[in-house]
Amino acid sequence: MSGVVVGADGRARCGWGGSTPDYLDYHDSEWGRPIRDDNGLFERLSLEAFQSGLSWITILRKRPSFRAAFAGFEIEKVAAFGEADVDRLLADAGIVRNRAKIEAAIANARVAAELPGGVAALLWSFAPDPKPERPADFSAVPAVTAESTAMAKALKKRGFRFFGPTTAYALMQATGMVNDHVRGCFVEV
């Protein structure tokens, strides 16, 4: 996982990005690119919470089903989900069927819908100043930072669930709040 790997296409990318075709596509087209819209960030926040305790590849492969099951992660629609939706989601083999995570996603949508200024403004308020240079390899990438800890604490205070400092940092990486593409990776963000 350290450094870069050169793919069949001749491109050097972060070591994890070449491990499967799904990761290659995610790495090359999405990971680390800034997302600033409320629904897009709500989707990533929800998926990162569902990933807790699981491999990201599991979530990535189930993402189309998650999007269908959770109304495209439109905050207002998910916030309106009720007990019948929870039952429907628990029966959906295409997603992770964990009651606590499903109920957290719905509760988080309700909190997000009430945020003055929106979820994007809140989340991006914790983005650190850009690092002067990329990490040399993944051993230099933290799992938790002061900013991710502050983000998790602020979200918990507002009522968000299933979202700790490690999940917050993964969200920051995935949505471009930090750039952890390693030195030598072809992706420029």
C-alpha atoms as a PDB file:
ATOM      1  CA  MET A   1       0.000   0.000   0.000  1.00  0.00           C
ATOM      2  CA  SER A   2       2.944   2.365   0.150  1.00  0.00           C
ATOM      3  CA  GLY A   3       4.045   4.517  -2.737  1.00  0.00           C
ATOM      4  CA  VAL A   4       2.713   4.107  -6.225  1.00  0.00           C
ATOM      5  CA  VAL A   5       1.964   1.249  -8.577  1.00  0.00           C
ATOM      6  CA  VAL A   6       2.105   1.473 -12.339  1.00  0.00           C
ATOM      7  CA  GLY A   7      -0.996   0.088 -13.980  1.00  0.00           C
ATOM      8  CA  ALA A   8      -1.389  -1.684 -17.294  1.00  0.00           C
ATOM      9  CA  ASP A   9      -2.199   1.743 -18.744  1.00  0.00           C
ATOM     10  CA  GLY A  10       1.293   2.965 -17.789  1.00  0.00           C
ATOM     11  CA  ARG A  11      -0.026   5.429 -15.197  1.00  0.00           C
ATOM     12  CA  ALA A  12       1.456   5.636 -11.720  1.00  0.00           C
ATOM     13  CA  ARG A  13      -1.234   5.803  -9.045  1.00  0.00           C
ATOM     14  CA  CYS A  14      -1.592   5.383  -5.295  1.00  0.00           C
ATOM     15  CA  GLY A  15      -0.768   1.778  -4.373  1.00  0.00           C
ATOM     16  CA  TRP A  16      -4.301   0.892  -3.279  1.00  0.00           C
ATOM     17  CA  GLY A  17      -5.761   2.342  -6.493  1.00  0.00           C
ATOM     18  CA  GLY A  18      -4.480  -0.449  -8.687  1.00  0.00           C
ATOM     19  CA  SER A  19      -5.540  -3.386  -6.544  1.00  0.00           C
ATOM     20  CA  THR A  20      -8.937  -4.025  -8.215  1.00  0.00           C
ATOM     21  CA  PRO A  21     -10.775  -2.609 -11.242  1.00  0.00           C
ATOM     22  CA  ASP A  22     -13.341  -1.041  -8.873  1.00  0.00           C
ATOM     23  CA  TYR A  23     -10.626   0.702  -6.862  1.00  0.00           C
ATOM     24  CA  LEU A  24      -8.838   1.773 -10.043  1.00  0.00           C
ATOM     25  CA  ASP A  25     -11.945   3.520 -11.347  1.00  0.00           C
ATOM     26  CA  TYR A  26     -12.783   5.058  -7.950  1.00  0.00           C
ATOM     27  CA  HIS A  27      -9.204   6.265  -7.448  1.00  0.00           C
ATOM     28  CA  ASP A  28      -8.833   7.659 -10.961  1.00  0.00           C
ATOM     29  CA  SER A  29     -12.183   9.399 -11.271  1.00  0.00           C
ATOM     30  CA  GLU A  30     -13.462  10.263  -7.811  1.00  0.00           C
ATOM     31  CA  TRP A  31     -11.344   9.849  -4.677  1.00  0.00           C
ATOM     32  CA  GLY A  32      -9.900  13.110  -3.455  1.00  0.00           C
ATOM     33  CA  ARG A  33     -11.876  15.356  -5.775  1.00  0.00           C
ATOM     34  CA  PRO A  34     -13.721  18.172  -4.031  1.00  0.00           C
ATOM     35  CA  ILE A  35     -17.430  17.621  -3.443  1.00  0.00           C
ATOM     36  CA  ARG A  36     -19.245  20.713  -2.234  1.00  0.00           C
ATOM     37  CA  ASP A  37     -22.950  20.002  -2.647  1.00  0.00           C
ATOM     38  CA  ASP A  38     -25.100  18.962   0.304  1.00  0.00           C
ATOM     39  CA  ASN A  39     -26.537  15.768  -1.202  1.00  0.00           C
ATOM     40  CA  GLY A  40     -23.168  14.623  -2.530  1.00  0.00           C
ATOM     41  CA  LEU A  41     -21.583  15.090   0.871  1.00  0.00           C
ATOM     42  CA  PHE A  42     -24.530  13.471   2.623  1.00  0.00           C
ATOM     43  CA  GLU A  43     -24.077  10.411   0.385  1.00  0.00           C
ATOM     44  CA  ARG A  44     -20.373  10.172   1.207  1.00  0.00           C
ATOM     45  CA  LEU A  45     -21.013  10.741   4.926  1.00  0.00           C
ATOM     46  CA  SER A  46     -23.638   7.968   4.885  1.00  0.00           C
ATOM     47  CA  LEU A  47     -21.492   5.535   2.931  1.00  0.00           C
ATOM     48  CA  GLU A  48     -18.481   6.153   5.170  1.00  0.00           C
ATOM     49  CA  ALA A  49     -20.697   5.379   8.183  1.00  0.00           C
ATOM     50  CA  PHE A  50     -21.965   2.184   6.534  1.00  0.00           C
ATOM     51  CA  GLN A  51     -18.348   1.205   5.843  1.00  0.00           C
ATOM     52  CA  SER A  52     -17.480   1.233   9.556  1.00  0.00           C
ATOM     53  CA  GLY A  53     -16.149  -2.245  10.351  1.00  0.00           C
ATOM     54  CA  LEU A  54     -16.250  -3.344   6.706  1.00  0.00           C
ATOM     55  CA  SER A  55     -14.008  -3.079   3.672  1.00  0.00           C
ATOM     56  CA  TRP A  56     -14.528  -0.015   1.490  1.00  0.00           C
ATOM     57  CA  ILE A  57     -14.696  -2.278  -1.569  1.00  0.00           C
ATOM     58  CA  THR A  58     -17.882  -3.807  -0.117  1.00  0.00           C
ATOM     59  CA  ILE A  59     -19.515  -0.383   0.059  1.00  0.00           C
ATOM     60  CA  LEU A  60     -18.179   0.682  -3.324  1.00  0.00           C
ATOM     61  CA  ARG A  61     -19.645  -2.394  -5.006  1.00  0.00           C
ATOM     62  CA  LYS A  62     -22.988  -1.881  -3.262  1.00  0.00           C
ATOM     63  CA  ARG A  63     -23.146   1.852  -3.985  1.00  0.00           C
ATOM     64  CA  PRO A  64     -25.632   1.606  -6.877  1.00  0.00           C
ATOM     65  CA  SER A  65     -27.983  -0.346  -4.614  1.00  0.00           C
ATOM     66  CA  PHE A  66     -27.448   2.131  -1.793  1.00  0.00           C
ATOM     67  CA  ARG A  67     -28.306   5.002  -4.132  1.00  0.00           C
ATOM     68  CA  ALA A  68     -31.516   3.278  -5.233  1.00  0.00           C
ATOM     69  CA  ALA A  69     -32.497   2.307  -1.689  1.00  0.00           C
ATOM     70  CA  PHE A  70     -31.792   5.746  -0.226  1.00  0.00           C
ATOM     71  CA  ALA A  71     -33.511   7.877  -2.892  1.00  0.00           C
ATOM     72  CA  GLY A  72     -30.251   9.039  -4.418  1.00  0.00           C
ATOM     73  CA  PHE A  73     -29.220  10.299  -0.980  1.00  0.00           C
ATOM     74  CA  GLU A  74     -31.406  13.360  -1.393  1.00  0.00           C
ATOM     75  CA  ILE A  75     -31.428  14.712   2.132  1.00  0.00           C
ATOM     76  CA  GLU A  76     -35.075  15.784   2.205  1.00  0.00           C
ATOM     77  CA  LYS A  77     -36.289  12.438   0.848  1.00  0.00           C
ATOM     78  CA  VAL A  78     -34.226  10.376   3.277  1.00  0.00           C
ATOM     79  CA  ALA A  79     -35.279  12.637   6.165  1.00  0.00           C
ATOM     80  CA  ALA A  80     -38.893  11.711   5.385  1.00  0.00           C
ATOM     81  CA  PHE A  81     -38.238   7.948   5.661  1.00  0.00           C
ATOM     82  CA  GLY A  82     -40.301   6.176   8.303  1.00  0.00           C
ATOM     83  CA  GLU A  83     -40.489   2.759   9.930  1.00  0.00           C
ATOM     84  CA  ALA A  84     -41.778   1.139   6.729  1.00  0.00           C
ATOM     85  CA  ASP A  85     -38.637   2.388   4.960  1.00  0.00           C
ATOM     86  CA  VAL A  86     -36.451   0.941   7.718  1.00  0.00           C
ATOM     87  CA  ASP A  87     -38.175  -2.424   7.212  1.00  0.00           C
ATOM     88  CA  ARG A  88     -37.733  -2.123   3.431  1.00  0.00           C
ATOM     89  CA  LEU A  89     -34.043  -1.325   3.842  1.00  0.00           C
ATOM     90  CA  LEU A  90     -33.491  -4.196   6.270  1.00  0.00           C
ATOM     91  CA  ALA A  91     -34.894  -6.550   3.609  1.00  0.00           C
ATOM     92  CA  ASP A  92     -32.710  -5.127   0.798  1.00  0.00           C
ATOM     93  CA  ALA A  93     -29.870  -7.590   0.116  1.00  0.00           C
ATOM     94  CA  GLY A  94     -28.201  -5.006  -2.124  1.00  0.00           C
ATOM     95  CA  ILE A  95     -27.113  -2.857   0.830  1.00  0.00           C
ATOM     96  CA  VAL A  96     -25.573  -3.397   4.255  1.00  0.00           C
ATOM     97  CA  ARG A  97     -28.524  -4.471   6.378  1.00  0.00           C
ATOM     98  CA  ASN A  98     -27.553  -3.125   9.761  1.00  0.00           C
ATOM     99  CA  ARG A  99     -30.434  -1.548  11.692  1.00  0.00           C
ATOM    100  CA  ALA A 100     -28.230   0.848  13.652  1.00  0.00           C
ATOM    101  CA  LYS A 101     -26.526   2.136  10.491  1.00  0.00           C
ATOM    102  CA  ILE A 102     -29.816   2.427   8.575  1.00  0.00           C
ATOM    103  CA  GLU A 103     -31.474   4.319  11.415  1.00  0.00           C
ATOM    104  CA  ALA A 104     -28.397   6.525  11.747  1.00  0.00           C
ATOM    105  CA  ALA A 105     -28.519   7.433   8.034  1.00  0.00           C
ATOM    106  CA  ILE A 106     -32.159   8.491   8.370  1.00  0.00           C
ATOM    107  CA  ALA A 107     -31.518  10.389  11.606  1.00  0.00           C
ATOM    108  CA  ASN A 108     -28.488  12.074  10.019  1.00  0.00           C
ATOM    109  CA  ALA A 109     -30.620  13.178   7.059  1.00  0.00           C
ATOM    110  CA  ARG A 110     -33.074  14.782   9.473  1.00  0.00           C
ATOM    111  CA  VAL A 111     -30.264  16.656  11.201  1.00  0.00           C
ATOM    112  CA  ALA A 112     -28.705  17.647   7.860  1.00  0.00           C
ATOM    113  CA  ALA A 113     -32.052  18.973   6.607  1.00  0.00           C
ATOM    114  CA  GLU A 114     -32.188  21.368   9.554  1.00  0.00           C
ATOM    115  CA  LEU A 115     -28.633  22.695   9.363  1.00  0.00           C
ATOM    116  CA  PRO A 116     -28.490  26.421   8.719  1.00  0.00           C
ATOM    117  CA  GLY A 117     -26.257  26.863   5.686  1.00  0.00           C
ATOM    118  CA  GLY A 118     -26.338  23.151   4.826  1.00  0.00           C
ATOM    119  CA  VAL A 119     -24.166  20.145   5.492  1.00  0.00           C
ATOM    120  CA  ALA A 120     -21.519  21.145   2.934  1.00  0.00           C
ATOM    121  CA  ALA A 121     -20.767  24.428   4.695  1.00  0.00           C
ATOM    122  CA  LEU A 122     -20.469  22.654   8.035  1.00  0.00           C
ATOM    123  CA  LEU A 123     -18.225  19.847   6.783  1.00  0.00           C
ATOM    124  CA  TRP A 124     -15.950  22.097   4.728  1.00  0.00           C
ATOM    125  CA  SER A 125     -15.480  24.399   7.718  1.00  0.00           C
ATOM    126  CA  PHE A 126     -13.205  21.670   9.120  1.00  0.00           C
ATOM    127  CA  ALA A 127     -11.020  21.317   6.022  1.00  0.00           C
ATOM    128  CA  PRO A 128      -7.419  22.056   6.962  1.00  0.00           C
ATOM    129  CA  ASP A 129      -5.165  24.343   5.020  1.00  0.00           C
ATOM    130  CA  PRO A 130      -3.661  22.455   2.090  1.00  0.00           C
ATOM    131  CA  LYS A 131      -0.478  20.559   2.895  1.00  0.00           C
ATOM    132  CA  PRO A 132       2.583  21.924   1.127  1.00  0.00           C
ATOM    133  CA  GLU A 133       3.285  18.563  -0.501  1.00  0.00           C
ATOM    134  CA  ARG A 134       1.755  15.154  -0.951  1.00  0.00           C
ATOM    135  CA  PRO A 135       2.647  12.297   1.371  1.00  0.00           C
ATOM    136  CA  ALA A 136       5.576  10.167   0.197  1.00  0.00           C
ATOM    137  CA  ASP A 137       3.599   6.989   0.850  1.00  0.00           C
ATOM    138  CA  PHE A 138       0.606   5.782   2.831  1.00  0.00           C
ATOM    139  CA  SER A 139       2.651   5.294   6.006  1.00  0.00           C
ATOM    140  CA  ALA A 140       2.662   9.111   6.219  1.00  0.00           C
ATOM    141  CA  VAL A 141      -1.139   9.334   6.024  1.00  0.00           C
ATOM    142  CA  PRO A 142      -2.885   9.609   9.387  1.00  0.00           C
ATOM    143  CA  ALA A 143      -6.105   7.806  10.292  1.00  0.00           C
ATOM    144  CA  VAL A 144      -7.237  10.701  12.502  1.00  0.00           C
ATOM    145  CA  THR A 145      -6.321  14.385  12.660  1.00  0.00           C
ATOM    146  CA  ALA A 146      -7.222  17.293  14.915  1.00  0.00           C
ATOM    147  CA  GLU A 147      -9.601  18.483  12.187  1.00  0.00           C
ATOM    148  CA  SER A 148     -11.341  15.108  11.794  1.00  0.00           C
ATOM    149  CA  THR A 149     -11.701  14.851  15.568  1.00  0.00           C
ATOM    150  CA  ALA A 150     -13.220  18.346  15.704  1.00  0.00           C
ATOM    151  CA  MET A 151     -15.556  17.499  12.801  1.00  0.00           C
ATOM    152  CA  ALA A 152     -16.772  14.294  14.470  1.00  0.00           C
ATOM    153  CA  LYS A 153     -17.304  16.085  17.769  1.00  0.00           C
ATOM    154  CA  ALA A 154     -19.253  18.924  16.116  1.00  0.00           C
ATOM    155  CA  LEU A 155     -21.450  16.506  14.169  1.00  0.00           C
ATOM    156  CA  LYS A 156     -22.136  14.405  17.256  1.00  0.00           C
ATOM    157  CA  LYS A 157     -23.083  17.552  19.177  1.00  0.00           C
ATOM    158  CA  ARG A 158     -25.629  18.373  16.447  1.00  0.00           C
ATOM    159  CA  GLY A 159     -27.108  14.870  16.617  1.00  0.00           C
ATOM    160  CA  PHE A 160     -25.283  12.969  13.865  1.00  0.00           C
ATOM    161  CA  ARG A 161     -24.736   9.295  14.600  1.00  0.00           C
ATOM    162  CA  PHE A 162     -22.243   6.621  13.520  1.00  0.00           C
ATOM    163  CA  PHE A 163     -19.580   9.181  12.682  1.00  0.00           C
ATOM    164  CA  GLY A 164     -16.283   9.254  14.571  1.00  0.00           C
ATOM    165  CA  PRO A 165     -12.878  10.842  13.923  1.00  0.00           C
ATOM    166  CA  THR A 166     -11.598   8.011  11.692  1.00  0.00           C
ATOM    167  CA  THR A 167     -14.766   8.077   9.574  1.00  0.00           C
ATOM    168  CA  ALA A 168     -14.470  11.869   9.421  1.00  0.00           C
ATOM    169  CA  TYR A 169     -10.908  11.644   8.096  1.00  0.00           C
ATOM    170  CA  ALA A 170     -11.904   9.066   5.482  1.00  0.00           C
ATOM    171  CA  LEU A 171     -14.670  11.460   4.396  1.00  0.00           C
ATOM    172  CA  MET A 172     -12.162  14.313   4.202  1.00  0.00           C
ATOM    173  CA  GLN A 173      -9.921  12.208   1.957  1.00  0.00           C
ATOM    174  CA  ALA A 174     -12.732  10.984  -0.282  1.00  0.00           C
ATOM    175  CA  THR A 175     -14.267  14.422  -0.809  1.00  0.00           C
ATOM    176  CA  GLY A 176     -11.134  16.453  -1.431  1.00  0.00           C
ATOM    177  CA  MET A 177     -10.930  18.254   1.904  1.00  0.00           C
ATOM    178  CA  VAL A 178      -7.433  16.813   2.117  1.00  0.00           C
ATOM    179  CA  ASN A 179      -5.225  15.547  -0.691  1.00  0.00           C
ATOM    180  CA  ASP A 180      -3.680  12.236   0.251  1.00  0.00           C
ATOM    181  CA  HIS A 181      -2.767  11.119  -3.263  1.00  0.00           C
ATOM    182  CA  VAL A 182       0.841  10.098  -2.778  1.00  0.00           C
ATOM    183  CA  ARG A 183       3.799  11.706  -4.482  1.00  0.00           C
ATOM    184  CA  GLY A 184       4.158  10.299  -7.982  1.00  0.00           C
ATOM    185  CA  CYS A 185       0.453   9.531  -8.448  1.00  0.00           C
ATOM    186  CA  PHE A 186      -0.807  10.906 -11.737  1.00  0.00           C
ATOM    187  CA  VAL A 187      -4.012  12.337 -10.206  1.00  0.00           C
ATOM    188  CA  GLU A 188      -3.866  16.083  -9.773  1.00  0.00           C
ATOM    189  CA  VAL A 189      -6.555  17.635  -7.562  1.00  0.00           C
END
